[in-house]
Amino acid sequence: MDTPAIFFLQGSGLGILDILPPFIMIFIFYHFMIARPQRARQRALQEMLSNLKIGDKIITTGGIYGTVTELTSDQIVQIRIAESVKINISKNAISALQEAPKQEKSSKESEKKNA
């Protein structure tokens, strides 16, 4: 009953055309689900960094919240993180702009009732 493995491989019938479609599907999945959205996020971040101006409230990649006080050069930004505490950071260290605080409907409705 000892049959050499070569006999099993000869009759398998798997050619390049049988193996290629799964790899194509994996590439298409990667492109549309991972690579394209990442490029869109990168483009949005670069646009935000190029439109940065004095007074913008930012968040750094390290989690530091601050306000832009000076655009020193193309790559360096000075931010204020506390009263009379200013630091210079790289523009690449900025991860996002702070969002304005949103008021909930319930707090607006309670203000109207109290007035």
C-alpha atoms as a PDB file:
ATOM      1  CA  MET A   1       0.000   0.000   0.000  1.00  0.00           C
ATOM      2  CA  ASP A   2       3.005   2.259  -0.080  1.00  0.00           C
ATOM      3  CA  THR A   3       2.346   4.491  -3.052  1.00  0.00           C
ATOM      4  CA  PRO A   4       4.884   7.165  -3.931  1.00  0.00           C
ATOM      5  CA  ALA A   5       3.652  10.746  -3.454  1.00  0.00           C
ATOM      6  CA  ILE A   6       4.444  11.609  -7.053  1.00  0.00           C
ATOM      7  CA  PHE A   7       1.380   9.688  -8.221  1.00  0.00           C
ATOM      8  CA  PHE A   8      -0.915  11.867  -6.098  1.00  0.00           C
ATOM      9  CA  LEU A   9       0.563  15.072  -7.493  1.00  0.00           C
ATOM     10  CA  GLN A  10       0.276  14.013 -11.126  1.00  0.00           C
ATOM     11  CA  GLY A  11      -3.457  13.519 -11.007  1.00  0.00           C
ATOM     12  CA  SER A  12      -4.331  16.622  -8.975  1.00  0.00           C
ATOM     13  CA  GLY A  13      -5.224  18.698 -12.031  1.00  0.00           C
ATOM     14  CA  LEU A  14      -4.408  22.015 -10.354  1.00  0.00           C
ATOM     15  CA  GLY A  15      -2.889  24.325 -12.917  1.00  0.00           C
ATOM     16  CA  ILE A  16      -2.044  28.015 -12.829  1.00  0.00           C
ATOM     17  CA  LEU A  17      -5.570  28.919 -13.960  1.00  0.00           C
ATOM     18  CA  ASP A  18      -7.027  27.102 -10.970  1.00  0.00           C
ATOM     19  CA  ILE A  19      -4.758  28.836  -8.458  1.00  0.00           C
ATOM     20  CA  LEU A  20      -4.797  32.372  -9.896  1.00  0.00           C
ATOM     21  CA  PRO A  21      -8.441  33.453  -9.182  1.00  0.00           C
ATOM     22  CA  PRO A  22      -8.142  33.302  -5.362  1.00  0.00           C
ATOM     23  CA  PHE A  23      -5.035  35.502  -5.481  1.00  0.00           C
ATOM     24  CA  ILE A  24      -6.812  37.992  -7.740  1.00  0.00           C
ATOM     25  CA  MET A  25      -9.768  38.110  -5.337  1.00  0.00           C
ATOM     26  CA  ILE A  26      -7.430  38.704  -2.378  1.00  0.00           C
ATOM     27  CA  PHE A  27      -5.729  41.563  -4.251  1.00  0.00           C
ATOM     28  CA  ILE A  28      -9.075  43.169  -5.141  1.00  0.00           C
ATOM     29  CA  PHE A  29     -10.270  42.842  -1.532  1.00  0.00           C
ATOM     30  CA  TYR A  30      -7.042  44.409  -0.226  1.00  0.00           C
ATOM     31  CA  HIS A  31      -7.238  47.283  -2.699  1.00  0.00           C
ATOM     32  CA  PHE A  32     -10.850  48.285  -2.029  1.00  0.00           C
ATOM     33  CA  MET A  33     -11.095  47.522   1.688  1.00  0.00           C
ATOM     34  CA  ILE A  34      -7.662  48.549   2.959  1.00  0.00           C
ATOM     35  CA  ALA A  35      -5.446  50.510   0.553  1.00  0.00           C
ATOM     36  CA  ARG A  36      -7.994  52.936  -0.929  1.00  0.00           C
ATOM     37  CA  PRO A  37      -9.493  54.119   2.395  1.00  0.00           C
ATOM     38  CA  GLN A  38      -5.993  54.536   3.847  1.00  0.00           C
ATOM     39  CA  ARG A  39      -4.970  56.753   0.926  1.00  0.00           C
ATOM     40  CA  ALA A  40      -8.119  58.854   1.390  1.00  0.00           C
ATOM     41  CA  ARG A  41      -7.355  59.345   5.109  1.00  0.00           C
ATOM     42  CA  GLN A  42      -3.755  60.286   4.268  1.00  0.00           C
ATOM     43  CA  ARG A  43      -4.936  62.820   1.682  1.00  0.00           C
ATOM     44  CA  ALA A  44      -7.369  64.382   4.182  1.00  0.00           C
ATOM     45  CA  LEU A  45      -4.620  64.638   6.831  1.00  0.00           C
ATOM     46  CA  GLN A  46      -2.213  66.315   4.394  1.00  0.00           C
ATOM     47  CA  GLU A  47      -4.935  68.782   3.377  1.00  0.00           C
ATOM     48  CA  MET A  48      -5.650  69.586   7.040  1.00  0.00           C
ATOM     49  CA  LEU A  49      -1.932  70.160   7.724  1.00  0.00           C
ATOM     50  CA  SER A  50      -1.536  72.450   4.716  1.00  0.00           C
ATOM     51  CA  ASN A  51      -4.561  74.528   5.821  1.00  0.00           C
ATOM     52  CA  LEU A  52      -3.334  74.858   9.413  1.00  0.00           C
ATOM     53  CA  LYS A  53      -3.515  78.420  10.765  1.00  0.00           C
ATOM     54  CA  ILE A  54      -2.836  80.316  13.985  1.00  0.00           C
ATOM     55  CA  GLY A  55      -5.573  79.766  16.551  1.00  0.00           C
ATOM     56  CA  ASP A  56      -6.487  76.234  15.420  1.00  0.00           C
ATOM     57  CA  LYS A  57      -6.989  73.804  18.280  1.00  0.00           C
ATOM     58  CA  ILE A  58      -5.144  70.570  17.599  1.00  0.00           C
ATOM     59  CA  ILE A  59      -4.416  67.114  19.005  1.00  0.00           C
ATOM     60  CA  THR A  60      -0.944  65.615  18.584  1.00  0.00           C
ATOM     61  CA  THR A  61      -0.194  61.962  17.944  1.00  0.00           C
ATOM     62  CA  GLY A  62       0.990  61.764  21.564  1.00  0.00           C
ATOM     63  CA  GLY A  63      -2.392  62.962  22.835  1.00  0.00           C
ATOM     64  CA  ILE A  64      -1.374  66.528  23.719  1.00  0.00           C
ATOM     65  CA  TYR A  65      -4.098  69.129  23.218  1.00  0.00           C
ATOM     66  CA  GLY A  66      -2.995  72.596  22.227  1.00  0.00           C
ATOM     67  CA  THR A  67      -3.591  75.765  20.226  1.00  0.00           C
ATOM     68  CA  VAL A  68      -1.388  76.801  17.309  1.00  0.00           C
ATOM     69  CA  THR A  69       0.405  80.048  18.198  1.00  0.00           C
ATOM     70  CA  GLU A  70       3.003  80.252  15.448  1.00  0.00           C
ATOM     71  CA  LEU A  71       3.827  78.532  12.163  1.00  0.00           C
ATOM     72  CA  THR A  72       7.621  78.654  12.485  1.00  0.00           C
ATOM     73  CA  SER A  73       8.468  76.937   9.182  1.00  0.00           C
ATOM     74  CA  ASP A  74       7.018  74.437   6.752  1.00  0.00           C
ATOM     75  CA  GLN A  75       7.695  71.604   9.189  1.00  0.00           C
ATOM     76  CA  ILE A  76       7.655  73.191  12.662  1.00  0.00           C
ATOM     77  CA  VAL A  77       4.631  74.521  14.549  1.00  0.00           C
ATOM     78  CA  GLN A  78       4.568  76.206  17.949  1.00  0.00           C
ATOM     79  CA  ILE A  79       1.598  75.301  20.128  1.00  0.00           C
ATOM     80  CA  ARG A  80       0.385  76.511  23.513  1.00  0.00           C
ATOM     81  CA  ILE A  81      -0.538  73.637  25.808  1.00  0.00           C
ATOM     82  CA  ALA A  82      -1.089  75.673  28.996  1.00  0.00           C
ATOM     83  CA  GLU A  83      -0.809  79.263  30.182  1.00  0.00           C
ATOM     84  CA  SER A  84       2.695  80.463  29.222  1.00  0.00           C
ATOM     85  CA  VAL A  85       3.747  76.947  28.162  1.00  0.00           C
ATOM     86  CA  LYS A  86       4.594  76.752  24.477  1.00  0.00           C
ATOM     87  CA  ILE A  87       6.313  73.905  22.656  1.00  0.00           C
ATOM     88  CA  ASN A  88       7.609  73.421  19.140  1.00  0.00           C
ATOM     89  CA  ILE A  89       6.453  70.282  17.357  1.00  0.00           C
ATOM     90  CA  SER A  90       6.728  68.831  13.890  1.00  0.00           C
ATOM     91  CA  LYS A  91       3.686  69.260  11.663  1.00  0.00           C
ATOM     92  CA  ASN A  92       3.762  65.502  11.175  1.00  0.00           C
ATOM     93  CA  ALA A  93       3.042  65.075  14.900  1.00  0.00           C
ATOM     94  CA  ILE A  94      -0.403  66.659  14.497  1.00  0.00           C
ATOM     95  CA  SER A  95      -3.085  64.004  14.187  1.00  0.00           C
ATOM     96  CA  ALA A  96      -6.321  66.019  14.134  1.00  0.00           C
ATOM     97  CA  LEU A  97      -8.115  69.266  14.790  1.00  0.00           C
ATOM     98  CA  GLN A  98     -10.189  69.418  17.949  1.00  0.00           C
ATOM     99  CA  GLU A  99     -13.894  69.335  17.290  1.00  0.00           C
ATOM    100  CA  ALA A 100     -16.093  72.069  18.695  1.00  0.00           C
ATOM    101  CA  PRO A 101     -18.118  70.813  21.672  1.00  0.00           C
ATOM    102  CA  LYS A 102     -21.616  69.775  20.646  1.00  0.00           C
ATOM    103  CA  GLN A 103     -24.600  70.611  22.797  1.00  0.00           C
ATOM    104  CA  GLU A 104     -27.170  67.901  23.227  1.00  0.00           C
ATOM    105  CA  LYS A 105     -30.827  68.485  22.457  1.00  0.00           C
ATOM    106  CA  SER A 106     -31.809  67.717  26.024  1.00  0.00           C
ATOM    107  CA  SER A 107     -29.615  70.509  27.412  1.00  0.00           C
ATOM    108  CA  LYS A 108     -31.030  72.971  24.847  1.00  0.00           C
ATOM    109  CA  GLU A 109     -34.580  71.950  25.708  1.00  0.00           C
ATOM    110  CA  SER A 110     -33.951  72.311  29.444  1.00  0.00           C
ATOM    111  CA  GLU A 111     -32.528  75.807  28.871  1.00  0.00           C
ATOM    112  CA  LYS A 112     -35.682  76.787  26.949  1.00  0.00           C
ATOM    113  CA  LYS A 113     -37.935  75.440  29.705  1.00  0.00           C
ATOM    114  CA  ASN A 114     -35.994  77.317  32.401  1.00  0.00           C
ATOM    115  CA  ALA A 115     -36.119  80.595  30.494  1.00  0.00           C
END
